[in-house]
Amino acid sequence: MENKSPHFKIIFLDILNEEFPEKIQECSTILAKDSLTSLDVLVLNKIIFGQSKNLKDKNVYRSYTLEDIKYILNYQKKNNLNNSEVCIIFGTSRNTIAKWKTFYSKL
C-alpha cells in the first residue's frame, strides 16, 4: 500500500531555502530524520513561523497518528503531568487528552 501523506520534509526544505535560510541550522536535526511525525511537523512549524496568537483556530486542523497519541500519553505518565500541563506543552485541549486516555487505555 502506497503512503499518500505529503512529503513534509521536501516542503519544509523548500520553505527554508526560499524564505527562511537563517533557520536551516535550527531545523536541521529534525529534518535529518528519515520520516517526520506529526509532532515533528508541529515543531518545525513553530520554529519557522513562530507561535500563533490564535491557537484555537489552528488546532481545528491538527490530526495525530496513533504513534503521536501514545507518545503524548507516555510523556504525561513519565513526567507525572496532569491534563492541563500536557495540553499546554502539546497545544491540545484538556478534553482531547482525557478522551485519548479513556479510549487508548482499553487497547
N, C-alpha and C. Protein backbone atom coordinates (compact mmCIF):
# COMPACT_ATOMS: atom_id res chain seq x y z
N MET A 1 0.84 -1.18 0.00
CA MET A 1 0.00 0.00 0.00
C MET A 1 0.89 1.24 0.00
N GLU A 2 0.60 2.16 -0.85
CA GLU A 2 1.40 3.36 -1.02
C GLU A 2 1.04 4.41 0.02
N ASN A 3 2.08 5.07 0.56
CA ASN A 3 1.88 6.14 1.53
C ASN A 3 1.50 7.41 0.80
N LYS A 4 0.32 7.96 1.06
CA LYS A 4 -0.17 9.13 0.34
C LYS A 4 -0.07 10.40 1.15
N SER A 5 0.72 10.41 2.22
CA SER A 5 0.87 11.62 3.01
C SER A 5 1.82 12.59 2.29
N PRO A 6 1.67 13.87 2.56
CA PRO A 6 2.54 14.86 1.91
C PRO A 6 4.01 14.65 2.29
N HIS A 7 4.89 15.05 1.45
CA HIS A 7 6.32 14.96 1.73
C HIS A 7 6.74 16.21 2.48
N PHE A 8 6.48 16.19 3.79
CA PHE A 8 6.72 17.37 4.61
C PHE A 8 8.19 17.79 4.60
N LYS A 9 9.06 16.82 4.52
CA LYS A 9 10.49 17.12 4.52
C LYS A 9 10.84 18.02 3.32
N ILE A 10 10.36 17.67 2.16
CA ILE A 10 10.62 18.45 0.95
C ILE A 10 9.95 19.82 1.05
N ILE A 11 8.74 19.84 1.56
CA ILE A 11 8.00 21.11 1.69
C ILE A 11 8.75 22.06 2.62
N PHE A 12 9.17 21.55 3.79
CA PHE A 12 9.86 22.42 4.74
C PHE A 12 11.23 22.84 4.22
N LEU A 13 11.92 21.97 3.53
CA LEU A 13 13.22 22.35 2.96
C LEU A 13 13.06 23.46 1.93
N ASP A 14 12.03 23.37 1.10
CA ASP A 14 11.75 24.43 0.12
C ASP A 14 11.44 25.76 0.81
N ILE A 15 10.61 25.71 1.83
CA ILE A 15 10.26 26.93 2.57
C ILE A 15 11.49 27.54 3.20
N LEU A 16 12.31 26.70 3.83
CA LEU A 16 13.53 27.20 4.48
C LEU A 16 14.50 27.80 3.47
N ASN A 17 14.73 27.11 2.38
CA ASN A 17 15.68 27.60 1.38
C ASN A 17 15.23 28.91 0.73
N GLU A 18 13.93 29.05 0.49
CA GLU A 18 13.44 30.23 -0.21
C GLU A 18 13.11 31.40 0.70
N GLU A 19 12.56 31.12 1.88
CA GLU A 19 12.06 32.20 2.72
C GLU A 19 12.85 32.43 4.01
N PHE A 20 13.37 31.36 4.62
CA PHE A 20 14.00 31.47 5.93
C PHE A 20 15.33 30.74 5.99
N PRO A 21 16.30 31.11 5.17
CA PRO A 21 17.58 30.39 5.17
C PRO A 21 18.32 30.49 6.51
N GLU A 22 18.04 31.52 7.30
CA GLU A 22 18.69 31.67 8.60
C GLU A 22 18.22 30.64 9.63
N LYS A 23 17.11 29.96 9.37
CA LYS A 23 16.57 28.98 10.31
C LYS A 23 16.91 27.54 9.93
N ILE A 24 17.67 27.34 8.87
CA ILE A 24 18.00 25.99 8.42
C ILE A 24 18.77 25.22 9.49
N GLN A 25 19.75 25.86 10.09
CA GLN A 25 20.56 25.20 11.12
C GLN A 25 19.71 24.75 12.30
N GLU A 26 18.78 25.59 12.71
CA GLU A 26 17.91 25.29 13.84
C GLU A 26 16.99 24.09 13.57
N CYS A 27 16.63 23.90 12.32
CA CYS A 27 15.72 22.82 11.93
C CYS A 27 16.44 21.56 11.45
N SER A 28 17.74 21.62 11.33
CA SER A 28 18.50 20.53 10.70
C SER A 28 18.37 19.18 11.41
N THR A 29 18.31 19.18 12.74
CA THR A 29 18.23 17.90 13.46
C THR A 29 16.91 17.19 13.17
N ILE A 30 15.83 17.94 13.09
CA ILE A 30 14.53 17.33 12.81
C ILE A 30 14.47 16.88 11.35
N LEU A 31 14.98 17.70 10.44
CA LEU A 31 14.93 17.37 9.02
C LEU A 31 15.89 16.24 8.65
N ALA A 32 16.81 15.90 9.54
CA ALA A 32 17.75 14.81 9.28
C ALA A 32 17.10 13.44 9.46
N LYS A 33 15.94 13.39 10.08
CA LYS A 33 15.23 12.13 10.29
C LYS A 33 14.77 11.55 8.95
N ASP A 34 14.62 10.22 8.92
CA ASP A 34 14.14 9.56 7.70
C ASP A 34 12.70 9.94 7.37
N SER A 35 11.86 9.96 8.41
CA SER A 35 10.47 10.36 8.21
C SER A 35 10.06 11.25 9.38
N LEU A 36 9.14 12.16 9.09
CA LEU A 36 8.68 13.11 10.10
C LEU A 36 7.34 12.67 10.68
N THR A 37 7.21 12.78 11.99
CA THR A 37 5.94 12.51 12.65
C THR A 37 5.11 13.79 12.66
N SER A 38 3.88 13.67 13.07
CA SER A 38 3.01 14.85 13.17
C SER A 38 3.60 15.85 14.16
N LEU A 39 4.18 15.34 15.24
CA LEU A 39 4.78 16.23 16.24
C LEU A 39 5.99 16.95 15.67
N ASP A 40 6.77 16.28 14.83
CA ASP A 40 7.91 16.93 14.18
C ASP A 40 7.43 18.08 13.30
N VAL A 41 6.34 17.86 12.58
CA VAL A 41 5.79 18.89 11.70
C VAL A 41 5.34 20.09 12.53
N LEU A 42 4.72 19.83 13.67
CA LEU A 42 4.27 20.93 14.54
C LEU A 42 5.46 21.72 15.09
N VAL A 43 6.52 21.02 15.48
CA VAL A 43 7.71 21.70 15.99
C VAL A 43 8.37 22.54 14.90
N LEU A 44 8.50 21.98 13.71
CA LEU A 44 9.08 22.73 12.59
C LEU A 44 8.25 23.98 12.27
N ASN A 45 6.96 23.81 12.27
CA ASN A 45 6.06 24.93 12.03
C ASN A 45 6.28 26.04 13.04
N LYS A 46 6.42 25.65 14.30
CA LYS A 46 6.63 26.61 15.38
C LYS A 46 7.98 27.32 15.24
N ILE A 47 9.02 26.57 14.87
CA ILE A 47 10.35 27.16 14.69
C ILE A 47 10.35 28.15 13.53
N ILE A 48 9.77 27.74 12.43
CA ILE A 48 9.83 28.56 11.22
C ILE A 48 8.90 29.77 11.29
N PHE A 49 7.66 29.55 11.65
CA PHE A 49 6.68 30.62 11.59
C PHE A 49 6.37 31.27 12.92
N GLY A 50 6.90 30.70 14.02
CA GLY A 50 6.66 31.26 15.34
C GLY A 50 5.34 30.78 15.93
N GLN A 51 5.12 31.18 17.16
CA GLN A 51 3.90 30.79 17.88
C GLN A 51 2.76 31.69 17.45
N SER A 52 1.66 31.09 17.07
CA SER A 52 0.48 31.86 16.67
C SER A 52 -0.22 32.41 17.90
N LYS A 53 -0.77 33.60 17.77
CA LYS A 53 -1.51 34.19 18.88
C LYS A 53 -2.91 33.60 18.98
N ASN A 54 -3.39 33.03 17.89
CA ASN A 54 -4.73 32.48 17.87
C ASN A 54 -4.64 30.97 17.65
N LEU A 55 -4.25 30.24 18.69
CA LEU A 55 -4.06 28.79 18.58
C LEU A 55 -5.36 28.04 18.37
N LYS A 56 -6.46 28.56 18.90
CA LYS A 56 -7.73 27.84 18.81
C LYS A 56 -8.11 27.57 17.36
N ASP A 57 -7.92 28.52 16.48
CA ASP A 57 -8.27 28.34 15.07
C ASP A 57 -7.37 27.30 14.41
N LYS A 58 -6.09 27.29 14.75
CA LYS A 58 -5.16 26.37 14.12
C LYS A 58 -5.35 24.94 14.62
N ASN A 59 -5.78 24.76 15.86
CA ASN A 59 -5.95 23.42 16.41
C ASN A 59 -7.05 22.64 15.71
N VAL A 60 -7.94 23.31 15.05
CA VAL A 60 -9.03 22.65 14.34
C VAL A 60 -8.48 21.72 13.26
N TYR A 61 -7.36 22.06 12.65
CA TYR A 61 -6.84 21.33 11.51
C TYR A 61 -5.75 20.31 11.88
N ARG A 62 -5.49 20.15 13.16
CA ARG A 62 -4.45 19.22 13.57
C ARG A 62 -5.01 17.80 13.61
N SER A 63 -4.15 16.87 13.25
CA SER A 63 -4.51 15.47 13.40
C SER A 63 -3.29 14.73 13.94
N TYR A 64 -3.53 13.72 14.71
CA TYR A 64 -2.46 12.98 15.35
C TYR A 64 -2.56 11.52 14.98
N THR A 65 -1.42 10.90 14.75
CA THR A 65 -1.40 9.46 14.49
C THR A 65 -1.43 8.73 15.83
N LEU A 66 -1.68 7.45 15.76
CA LEU A 66 -1.69 6.64 16.98
C LEU A 66 -0.33 6.71 17.67
N GLU A 67 0.73 6.73 16.89
CA GLU A 67 2.08 6.84 17.43
C GLU A 67 2.25 8.15 18.20
N ASP A 68 1.74 9.24 17.67
CA ASP A 68 1.82 10.54 18.34
C ASP A 68 1.03 10.55 19.64
N ILE A 69 -0.16 9.98 19.60
CA ILE A 69 -1.01 9.93 20.78
C ILE A 69 -0.34 9.13 21.88
N LYS A 70 0.22 7.98 21.52
CA LYS A 70 0.92 7.16 22.52
C LYS A 70 2.12 7.91 23.10
N TYR A 71 2.84 8.64 22.24
CA TYR A 71 3.99 9.41 22.72
C TYR A 71 3.53 10.46 23.73
N ILE A 72 2.46 11.18 23.43
CA ILE A 72 1.96 12.23 24.32
C ILE A 72 1.49 11.64 25.64
N LEU A 73 0.75 10.54 25.59
CA LEU A 73 0.26 9.92 26.82
C LEU A 73 1.41 9.34 27.65
N ASN A 74 2.40 8.75 26.99
CA ASN A 74 3.57 8.25 27.72
C ASN A 74 4.37 9.40 28.33
N TYR A 75 4.48 10.50 27.61
CA TYR A 75 5.17 11.69 28.12
C TYR A 75 4.48 12.18 29.39
N GLN A 76 3.15 12.20 29.36
CA GLN A 76 2.38 12.64 30.51
C GLN A 76 2.63 11.73 31.71
N LYS A 77 2.59 10.44 31.47
CA LYS A 77 2.77 9.47 32.55
C LYS A 77 4.20 9.54 33.10
N LYS A 78 5.18 9.59 32.19
CA LYS A 78 6.60 9.60 32.58
C LYS A 78 6.95 10.83 33.41
N ASN A 79 6.37 11.98 33.04
CA ASN A 79 6.69 13.24 33.72
C ASN A 79 5.67 13.62 34.79
N ASN A 80 4.73 12.71 35.05
CA ASN A 80 3.73 12.90 36.11
C ASN A 80 3.01 14.25 35.95
N LEU A 81 2.43 14.47 34.77
CA LEU A 81 1.74 15.72 34.46
C LEU A 81 0.23 15.51 34.44
N ASN A 82 -0.50 16.57 34.76
CA ASN A 82 -1.95 16.48 34.62
C ASN A 82 -2.35 16.89 33.21
N ASN A 83 -3.63 16.76 32.89
CA ASN A 83 -4.10 17.04 31.52
C ASN A 83 -3.85 18.49 31.11
N SER A 84 -4.00 19.42 32.05
CA SER A 84 -3.78 20.83 31.73
C SER A 84 -2.33 21.10 31.35
N GLU A 85 -1.41 20.51 32.07
CA GLU A 85 0.01 20.71 31.78
C GLU A 85 0.39 20.13 30.42
N VAL A 86 -0.15 18.96 30.11
CA VAL A 86 0.14 18.32 28.83
C VAL A 86 -0.45 19.12 27.67
N CYS A 87 -1.65 19.64 27.85
CA CYS A 87 -2.28 20.38 26.76
C CYS A 87 -1.52 21.67 26.47
N ILE A 88 -0.90 22.27 27.45
CA ILE A 88 -0.09 23.47 27.22
C ILE A 88 1.16 23.11 26.42
N ILE A 89 1.80 22.02 26.77
CA ILE A 89 3.04 21.61 26.10
C ILE A 89 2.79 21.23 24.65
N PHE A 90 1.73 20.46 24.38
CA PHE A 90 1.50 19.93 23.04
C PHE A 90 0.43 20.68 22.25
N GLY A 91 -0.19 21.69 22.85
CA GLY A 91 -1.15 22.51 22.12
C GLY A 91 -2.46 21.80 21.81
N THR A 92 -2.89 20.93 22.70
CA THR A 92 -4.18 20.27 22.53
C THR A 92 -5.13 20.79 23.60
N SER A 93 -6.31 20.25 23.65
CA SER A 93 -7.24 20.64 24.71
C SER A 93 -7.23 19.58 25.81
N ARG A 94 -7.67 19.99 26.99
CA ARG A 94 -7.76 19.04 28.11
C ARG A 94 -8.74 17.92 27.78
N ASN A 95 -9.81 18.28 27.08
CA ASN A 95 -10.81 17.28 26.72
C ASN A 95 -10.23 16.23 25.77
N THR A 96 -9.39 16.67 24.85
CA THR A 96 -8.76 15.74 23.91
C THR A 96 -7.89 14.75 24.66
N ILE A 97 -7.07 15.25 25.57
CA ILE A 97 -6.20 14.38 26.36
C ILE A 97 -7.04 13.38 27.16
N ALA A 98 -8.11 13.86 27.78
CA ALA A 98 -8.98 12.98 28.57
C ALA A 98 -9.63 11.90 27.70
N LYS A 99 -10.08 12.28 26.50
CA LYS A 99 -10.68 11.30 25.58
C LYS A 99 -9.66 10.26 25.14
N TRP A 100 -8.44 10.72 24.83
CA TRP A 100 -7.39 9.78 24.44
C TRP A 100 -7.09 8.80 25.57
N LYS A 101 -7.01 9.31 26.78
CA LYS A 101 -6.71 8.43 27.92
C LYS A 101 -7.81 7.39 28.10
N THR A 102 -9.05 7.81 27.94
CA THR A 102 -10.17 6.88 28.09
C THR A 102 -10.17 5.85 26.98
N PHE A 103 -10.02 6.29 25.75
CA PHE A 103 -10.09 5.40 24.61
C PHE A 103 -8.89 4.46 24.52
N TYR A 104 -7.68 5.00 24.67
CA TYR A 104 -6.48 4.22 24.45
C TYR A 104 -6.03 3.42 25.66
N SER A 105 -6.65 3.62 26.81
CA SER A 105 -6.33 2.77 27.97
C SER A 105 -6.92 1.38 27.79
N LYS A 106 -7.91 1.25 26.88
CA LYS A 106 -8.55 -0.03 26.62
C LYS A 106 -7.76 -0.89 25.63
N LEU A 107 -6.82 -0.27 24.90
CA LEU A 107 -6.07 -1.01 23.89
C LEU A 107 -4.97 -1.82 24.49
